[in-house]
C-alpha atoms as a PDB file:
ATOM      1  CA  MET A   1      -0.220   0.102  -0.009  1.00  0.00           C
ATOM      2  CA  LEU A   2       2.722   2.655   0.721  1.00  0.00           C
ATOM      3  CA  LYS A   3       4.950   1.810  -2.384  1.00  0.00           C
ATOM      4  CA  LYS A   4       1.393   2.574  -4.458  1.00  0.00           C
ATOM      5  CA  THR A   5       0.964   5.619  -2.496  1.00  0.00           C
ATOM      6  CA  ILE A   6       4.223   6.920  -3.146  1.00  0.00           C
ATOM      7  CA  LEU A   7       4.489   6.344  -6.765  1.00  0.00           C
ATOM      8  CA  ILE A   8       0.742   7.658  -7.096  1.00  0.00           C
ATOM      9  CA  THR A   9       1.986  11.340  -4.956  1.00  0.00           C
ATOM     10  CA  ALA A  10       5.315  11.478  -7.260  1.00  0.00           C
ATOM     11  CA  THR A  11       2.906  11.172 -10.603  1.00  0.00           C
ATOM     12  CA  ALA A  12       1.001  14.106  -8.995  1.00  0.00           C
ATOM     13  CA  VAL A  13       3.550  16.061  -8.147  1.00  0.00           C
ATOM     14  CA  SER A  14       5.088  15.847 -11.364  1.00  0.00           C
ATOM     15  CA  ALA A  15       2.200  18.306 -12.903  1.00  0.00           C
ATOM     16  CA  PHE A  16       4.390  20.878 -11.222  1.00  0.00           C
ATOM     17  CA  ALA A  17       7.473  23.023 -12.499  1.00  0.00           C
ATOM     18  CA  LEU A  18      10.426  20.190 -12.322  1.00  0.00           C
ATOM     19  CA  HIS A  19      13.255  22.152 -10.383  1.00  0.00           C
ATOM     20  CA  THR A  20      15.933  19.131 -11.092  1.00  0.00           C
ATOM     21  CA  ALA A  21      15.912  15.948 -12.245  1.00  0.00           C
ATOM     22  CA  GLN A  22      18.887  13.681 -11.860  1.00  0.00           C
ATOM     23  CA  ILE A  23      19.799   9.584 -12.969  1.00  0.00           C
ATOM     24  CA  ASN A  24      23.125   8.073 -11.435  1.00  0.00           C
ATOM     25  CA  ILE A  25      24.625   4.817 -12.458  1.00  0.00           C
ATOM     26  CA  ASN A  26      27.201   2.118 -11.497  1.00  0.00           C
ATOM     27  CA  ASP A  27      27.942  -0.728 -13.141  1.00  0.00           C
ATOM     28  CA  ARG A  28      24.900  -2.453 -11.550  1.00  0.00           C
ATOM     29  CA  ASP A  29      22.834   0.076  -9.799  1.00  0.00           C
ATOM     30  CA  LEU A  30      20.193   2.807 -11.109  1.00  0.00           C
ATOM     31  CA  GLU A  31      19.122   5.610  -8.913  1.00  0.00           C
ATOM     32  CA  ILE A  32      16.712   8.301 -10.458  1.00  0.00           C
ATOM     33  CA  GLY A  33      15.423  11.585  -8.396  1.00  0.00           C
ATOM     34  CA  ALA A  34      13.915  14.561  -8.696  1.00  0.00           C
ATOM     35  CA  LYS A  35      12.930  17.498  -7.083  1.00  0.00           C
ATOM     36  CA  PHE A  36      10.589  20.413  -6.902  1.00  0.00           C
ATOM     37  CA  ASP A  37      10.257  23.950  -6.348  1.00  0.00           C
ATOM     38  CA  ILE A  38       7.029  24.804  -3.738  1.00  0.00           C
ATOM     39  CA  GLY A  39       8.439  28.250  -3.656  1.00  0.00           C
ATOM     40  CA  GLN A  40       7.830  29.468  -7.102  1.00  0.00           C
ATOM     41  CA  PHE A  41       4.157  28.569  -6.093  1.00  0.00           C
ATOM     42  CA  ASN A  42       3.977  30.762  -2.980  1.00  0.00           C
ATOM     43  CA  ASP A  43       4.491  34.518  -2.275  1.00  0.00           C
ATOM     44  CA  LYS A  44       5.625  33.989   0.994  1.00  0.00           C
ATOM     45  CA  VAL A  45       8.102  31.310  -0.093  1.00  0.00           C
ATOM     46  CA  GLU A  46      11.505  32.290  -1.939  1.00  0.00           C
ATOM     47  CA  PRO A  47      12.527  30.831  -4.520  1.00  0.00           C
ATOM     48  CA  ASP A  48      15.087  27.948  -4.290  1.00  0.00           C
ATOM     49  CA  THR A  49      14.452  27.648  -0.720  1.00  0.00           C
ATOM     50  CA  MET A  50      11.729  24.587   0.194  1.00  0.00           C
ATOM     51  CA  PHE A  51      11.526  21.543  -2.321  1.00  0.00           C
ATOM     52  CA  ILE A  52       9.484  18.100  -2.454  1.00  0.00           C
ATOM     53  CA  GLY A  53      11.253  15.511  -3.978  1.00  0.00           C
ATOM     54  CA  GLY A  54      11.072  11.483  -4.925  1.00  0.00           C
ATOM     55  CA  ARG A  55      13.587   9.112  -5.065  1.00  0.00           C
ATOM     56  CA  PHE A  56      14.165   5.973  -6.940  1.00  0.00           C
ATOM     57  CA  LEU A  57      16.754   2.946  -6.422  1.00  0.00           C
ATOM     58  CA  ASN A  58      17.024   0.164  -7.825  1.00  0.00           C
ATOM     59  CA  GLY A  59      19.796  -1.355  -6.051  1.00  0.00           C
ATOM     60  CA  GLN A  60      21.759  -4.698  -6.436  1.00  0.00           C
ATOM     61  CA  LYS A  61      22.355  -7.300  -3.860  1.00  0.00           C
ATOM     62  CA  GLU A  62      26.449  -7.438  -5.218  1.00  0.00           C
ATOM     63  CA  ASN A  63      26.212  -3.730  -3.539  1.00  0.00           C
ATOM     64  CA  SER A  64      24.513  -5.165  -0.564  1.00  0.00           C
ATOM     65  CA  GLN A  65      25.347  -6.385   2.511  1.00  0.00           C
ATOM     66  CA  LEU A  66      24.243  -8.888   5.857  1.00  0.00           C
ATOM     67  CA  GLU A  67      25.243  -8.468   9.450  1.00  0.00           C
ATOM     68  CA  THR A  68      25.789 -11.954   9.156  1.00  0.00           C
ATOM     69  CA  GLY A  69      27.800 -12.172   6.183  1.00  0.00           C
ATOM     70  CA  GLY A  70      26.882 -12.857   2.445  1.00  0.00           C
ATOM     71  CA  SER A  71      24.914 -10.687   0.692  1.00  0.00           C
ATOM     72  CA  PRO A  72      20.715 -10.902   0.310  1.00  0.00           C
ATOM     73  CA  THR A  73      19.279 -13.281  -2.127  1.00  0.00           C
ATOM     74  CA  SER A  74      17.202 -10.825  -3.845  1.00  0.00           C
ATOM     75  CA  LEU A  75      16.414  -6.959  -3.088  1.00  0.00           C
ATOM     76  CA  ASP A  76      13.916  -4.673  -3.731  1.00  0.00           C
ATOM     77  CA  PRO A  77      13.685  -1.544  -5.178  1.00  0.00           C
ATOM     78  CA  TYR A  78      13.924   1.259  -2.683  1.00  0.00           C
ATOM     79  CA  TYR A  79      11.296   4.422  -2.938  1.00  0.00           C
ATOM     80  CA  GLU A  80      11.294   7.378  -0.694  1.00  0.00           C
ATOM     81  CA  LEU A  81       9.355  10.744  -0.738  1.00  0.00           C
ATOM     82  CA  SER A  82      11.992  14.081   0.481  1.00  0.00           C
ATOM     83  CA  PHE A  83      10.671  17.491   1.956  1.00  0.00           C
ATOM     84  CA  LEU A  84      13.824  20.109   2.363  1.00  0.00           C
ATOM     85  CA  MET A  85      14.495  23.573   3.484  1.00  0.00           C
ATOM     86  CA  LYS A  86      17.191  25.315   2.357  1.00  0.00           C
ATOM     87  CA  ARG A  87      18.875  28.656   2.931  1.00  0.00           C
ATOM     88  CA  PRO A  88      22.414  30.244   1.688  1.00  0.00           C
ATOM     89  CA  MET A  89      24.922  31.175   4.988  1.00  0.00           C
ATOM     90  CA  GLY A  90      26.740  34.229   4.739  1.00  0.00           C
ATOM     91  CA  ASP A  91      28.154  34.907   1.344  1.00  0.00           C
ATOM     92  CA  MET A  92      30.509  32.121   0.616  1.00  0.00           C
ATOM     93  CA  GLY A  93      28.578  29.740  -1.713  1.00  0.00           C
ATOM     94  CA  MET A  94      27.701  27.617   1.242  1.00  0.00           C
ATOM     95  CA  SER A  95      24.060  26.538   1.756  1.00  0.00           C
ATOM     96  CA  PHE A  96      22.832  24.297   4.550  1.00  0.00           C
ATOM     97  CA  GLY A  97      18.974  22.631   4.622  1.00  0.00           C
ATOM     98  CA  MET A  98      17.005  20.498   6.833  1.00  0.00           C
ATOM     99  CA  GLY A  99      15.095  17.775   5.471  1.00  0.00           C
ATOM    100  CA  VAL A 100      12.346  14.768   6.556  1.00  0.00           C
ATOM    101  CA  LYS A 101      11.698  11.771   4.018  1.00  0.00           C
ATOM    102  CA  LEU A 102       9.031   8.853   4.349  1.00  0.00           C
ATOM    103  CA  ASN A 103      11.183   5.742   2.608  1.00  0.00           C
ATOM    104  CA  TYR A 104      10.294   1.804   1.819  1.00  0.00           C
ATOM    105  CA  THR A 105      11.855  -1.122   0.528  1.00  0.00           C
ATOM    106  CA  SER A 106      11.601  -5.080   1.375  1.00  0.00           C
ATOM    107  CA  LEU A 107      13.618  -7.985   2.282  1.00  0.00           C
ATOM    108  CA  GLY A 108      11.562 -11.017   1.803  1.00  0.00           C
ATOM    109  CA  THR A 109       8.975 -10.865   3.544  1.00  0.00           C
ATOM    110  CA  LYS A 110       9.888  -8.480   5.945  1.00  0.00           C
ATOM    111  CA  ASN A 111       9.131  -4.884   5.154  1.00  0.00           C
ATOM    112  CA  PHE A 112      10.898  -1.235   5.689  1.00  0.00           C
ATOM    113  CA  SER A 113       9.758   2.034   6.222  1.00  0.00           C
ATOM    114  CA  SER A 114      10.725   5.275   8.126  1.00  0.00           C
ATOM    115  CA  LEU A 115      10.788   8.748   8.588  1.00  0.00           C
ATOM    116  CA  PRO A 116      13.926   9.650   8.532  1.00  0.00           C
ATOM    117  CA  LEU A 117      15.537  13.743   9.793  1.00  0.00           C
ATOM    118  CA  GLY A 118      18.689  14.871   8.334  1.00  0.00           C
ATOM    119  CA  LEU A 119      21.241  18.025   6.855  1.00  0.00           C
ATOM    120  CA  GLU A 120      22.111  18.351   3.854  1.00  0.00           C
ATOM    121  CA  PHE A 121      24.695  20.981   2.464  1.00  0.00           C
ATOM    122  CA  GLU A 122      26.247  22.719  -0.978  1.00  0.00           C
ATOM    123  CA  TYR A 123      29.773  24.446  -1.620  1.00  0.00           C
ATOM    124  CA  VAL A 124      30.490  26.168  -4.769  1.00  0.00           C
ATOM    125  CA  ILE A 125      33.621  25.918  -5.185  1.00  0.00           C
ATOM    126  CA  PRO A 126      35.569  29.557  -5.835  1.00  0.00           C
ATOM    127  CA  ALA A 127      36.821  28.363  -9.501  1.00  0.00           C
ATOM    128  CA  LYS A 128      35.920  31.768 -11.449  1.00  0.00           C
ATOM    129  CA  LYS A 129      38.226  30.737 -13.956  1.00  0.00           C
ATOM    130  CA  LEU A 130      37.263  26.852 -14.368  1.00  0.00           C
ATOM    131  CA  VAL A 131      33.814  25.478 -14.955  1.00  0.00           C
ATOM    132  CA  PRO A 132      31.611  26.152 -11.703  1.00  0.00           C
ATOM    133  CA  MET A 133      31.913  22.632  -9.495  1.00  0.00           C
ATOM    134  CA  TYR A 134      29.821  22.100  -6.607  1.00  0.00           C
ATOM    135  CA  LEU A 135      30.489  20.149  -3.410  1.00  0.00           C
ATOM    136  CA  SER A 136      27.819  17.859  -1.594  1.00  0.00           C
ATOM    137  CA  GLY A 137      26.349  16.243   0.908  1.00  0.00           C
ATOM    138  CA  SER A 138      23.789  14.847   3.598  1.00  0.00           C
ATOM    139  CA  LEU A 139      23.152  12.697   6.649  1.00  0.00           C
ATOM    140  CA  TYR A 140      19.622  10.974   7.625  1.00  0.00           C
ATOM    141  CA  PHE A 141      18.325   9.040  10.665  1.00  0.00           C
ATOM    142  CA  ALA A 142      15.845   7.659  11.455  1.00  0.00           C
ATOM    143  CA  PRO A 143      15.701   6.215  15.031  1.00  0.00           C
ATOM    144  CA  SER A 144      13.217   3.051  15.844  1.00  0.00           C
ATOM    145  CA  ALA A 145      10.437   5.866  17.114  1.00  0.00           C
ATOM    146  CA  LEU A 146      10.743   6.895  13.442  1.00  0.00           C
ATOM    147  CA  SER A 147      10.361   3.370  12.135  1.00  0.00           C
ATOM    148  CA  PHE A 148       7.490   1.173  10.829  1.00  0.00           C
ATOM    149  CA  ASN A 149       7.249  -2.269  10.428  1.00  0.00           C
ATOM    150  CA  ASP A 150       9.327  -4.714  10.252  1.00  0.00           C
ATOM    151  CA  ALA A 151      12.187  -1.675  10.382  1.00  0.00           C
ATOM    152  CA  LYS A 152      13.942  -1.081  13.573  1.00  0.00           C
ATOM    153  CA  ASP A 153      16.374   1.918  12.361  1.00  0.00           C
ATOM    154  CA  PHE A 154      17.659   3.666   9.102  1.00  0.00           C
ATOM    155  CA  LEU A 155      21.366   5.745   8.408  1.00  0.00           C
ATOM    156  CA  GLU A 156      21.864   7.462   5.237  1.00  0.00           C
ATOM    157  CA  TYR A 157      25.011   9.164   4.593  1.00  0.00           C
ATOM    158  CA  ARG A 158      26.185  10.436   0.379  1.00  0.00           C
ATOM    159  CA  ILE A 159      28.596  12.976  -0.474  1.00  0.00           C
ATOM    160  CA  SER A 160      28.726  14.242  -4.285  1.00  0.00           C
ATOM    161  CA  TYR A 161      31.244  16.358  -6.168  1.00  0.00           C
ATOM    162  CA  ASP A 162      29.589  18.139  -9.324  1.00  0.00           C
ATOM    163  CA  ILE A 163      31.161  20.035 -12.240  1.00  0.00           C
ATOM    164  CA  GLU A 164      28.219  22.017 -14.860  1.00  0.00           C
ATOM    165  CA  LEU A 165      29.904  21.438 -18.586  1.00  0.00           C
ATOM    166  CA  ILE A 166      26.915  23.272 -19.462  1.00  0.00           C
ATOM    167  CA  LYS A 167      24.164  25.976 -18.294  1.00  0.00           C
ATOM    168  CA  ASN A 168      21.998  23.781 -16.001  1.00  0.00           C
ATOM    169  CA  GLY A 169      23.633  20.335 -16.571  1.00  0.00           C
ATOM    170  CA  ARG A 170      25.982  18.866 -13.959  1.00  0.00           C
ATOM    171  CA  VAL A 171      28.565  15.848 -14.296  1.00  0.00           C
ATOM    172  CA  THR A 172      27.920  14.249 -10.978  1.00  0.00           C
ATOM    173  CA  VAL A 173      29.975  11.665  -8.976  1.00  0.00           C
ATOM    174  CA  GLY A 174      29.328  10.455  -5.884  1.00  0.00           C
ATOM    175  CA  TYR A 175      29.487   8.195  -3.251  1.00  0.00           C
ATOM    176  CA  ARG A 176      26.268   6.622  -1.052  1.00  0.00           C
ATOM    177  CA  ASN A 177      25.297   4.272   1.950  1.00  0.00           C
ATOM    178  CA  ILE A 178      22.199   3.387   3.183  1.00  0.00           C
ATOM    179  CA  ASN A 179      21.551   1.157   6.137  1.00  0.00           C
ATOM    180  CA  THR A 180      18.312  -0.480   6.873  1.00  0.00           C
ATOM    181  CA  ASN A 181      18.691  -1.966   9.847  1.00  0.00           C
ATOM    182  CA  TYR A 182      15.436  -4.647  10.839  1.00  0.00           C
ATOM    183  CA  ASP A 183      14.059  -5.459  13.962  1.00  0.00           C
ATOM    184  CA  THR A 184      14.028  -9.590  12.719  1.00  0.00           C
ATOM    185  CA  VAL A 185      16.973 -12.057  12.314  1.00  0.00           C
ATOM    186  CA  SER A 186      18.012  -9.972   9.268  1.00  0.00           C
ATOM    187  CA  GLY A 187      19.316  -7.630  11.531  1.00  0.00           C
ATOM    188  CA  LYS A 188      21.230  -4.588  10.054  1.00  0.00           C
ATOM    189  CA  VAL A 189      21.183  -4.635   6.283  1.00  0.00           C
ATOM    190  CA  VAL A 190      22.890  -1.997   4.444  1.00  0.00           C
ATOM    191  CA  TYR A 191      21.036  -2.046   1.357  1.00  0.00           C
ATOM    192  CA  ASN A 192      23.750  -0.048  -0.855  1.00  0.00           C
ATOM    193  CA  ASN A 193      27.520   0.818  -0.385  1.00  0.00           C
ATOM    194  CA  SER A 194      28.543   2.391  -3.870  1.00  0.00           C
ATOM    195  CA  TYR A 195      30.302   4.622  -5.948  1.00  0.00           C
ATOM    196  CA  TYR A 196      28.235   6.264  -8.920  1.00  0.00           C
ATOM    197  CA  VAL A 197      28.010   8.847 -11.935  1.00  0.00           C
ATOM    198  CA  GLY A 198      25.249  10.712 -13.167  1.00  0.00           C
ATOM    199  CA  PHE A 199      23.700  13.815 -14.292  1.00  0.00           C
ATOM    200  CA  LYS A 200      21.742  16.365 -12.929  1.00  0.00           C
ATOM    201  CA  PHE A 201      19.650  18.888 -14.591  1.00  0.00           C
ATOM    202  CA  ALA A 202      18.624  22.158 -13.656  1.00  0.00           C
ATOM    203  CA  PHE A 203      14.903  23.543 -15.535  1.00  0.00           C
END
């Protein structure tokens, strides 16, 4: 049910103006995400400061690991909805954000969902004579109080380096680590631990 709700919501959100779209790949995993700028529809909210988004990650077992050792025999896709408030800090090219996510995945007959809270940052690397470059990262965590179904807790962190080769078009290189910890014999499951490359497009 939650999976269908996420897909329906993501489809409804797509009726609004798209802010950014992203696709990340490596030799096994596919990740697709999008963010929508709420501020462009609300006079009381500044543009580029408040976003809702969605993400789909088709992780493969080769980049996953069980606490008991080895990899799962199979791995279901990971779905996510997100809300982020973001503000620049001073005039040094740094911005910070506070966000919340709703995610869902499963492992065999065990369902995992949580509501992690997190922080994000982006830094514009000062290199005026070169192409624009960015360094960004995020950290999200959900304790047991914000974990549901068969979930115990959730932890995700990632960092990426972007180069804007053309206006509103970036090439990104990044690393992500997503931990979906279950309250069952499955225990700690590193859902995805991998490097990736991809494209980011702004609209």
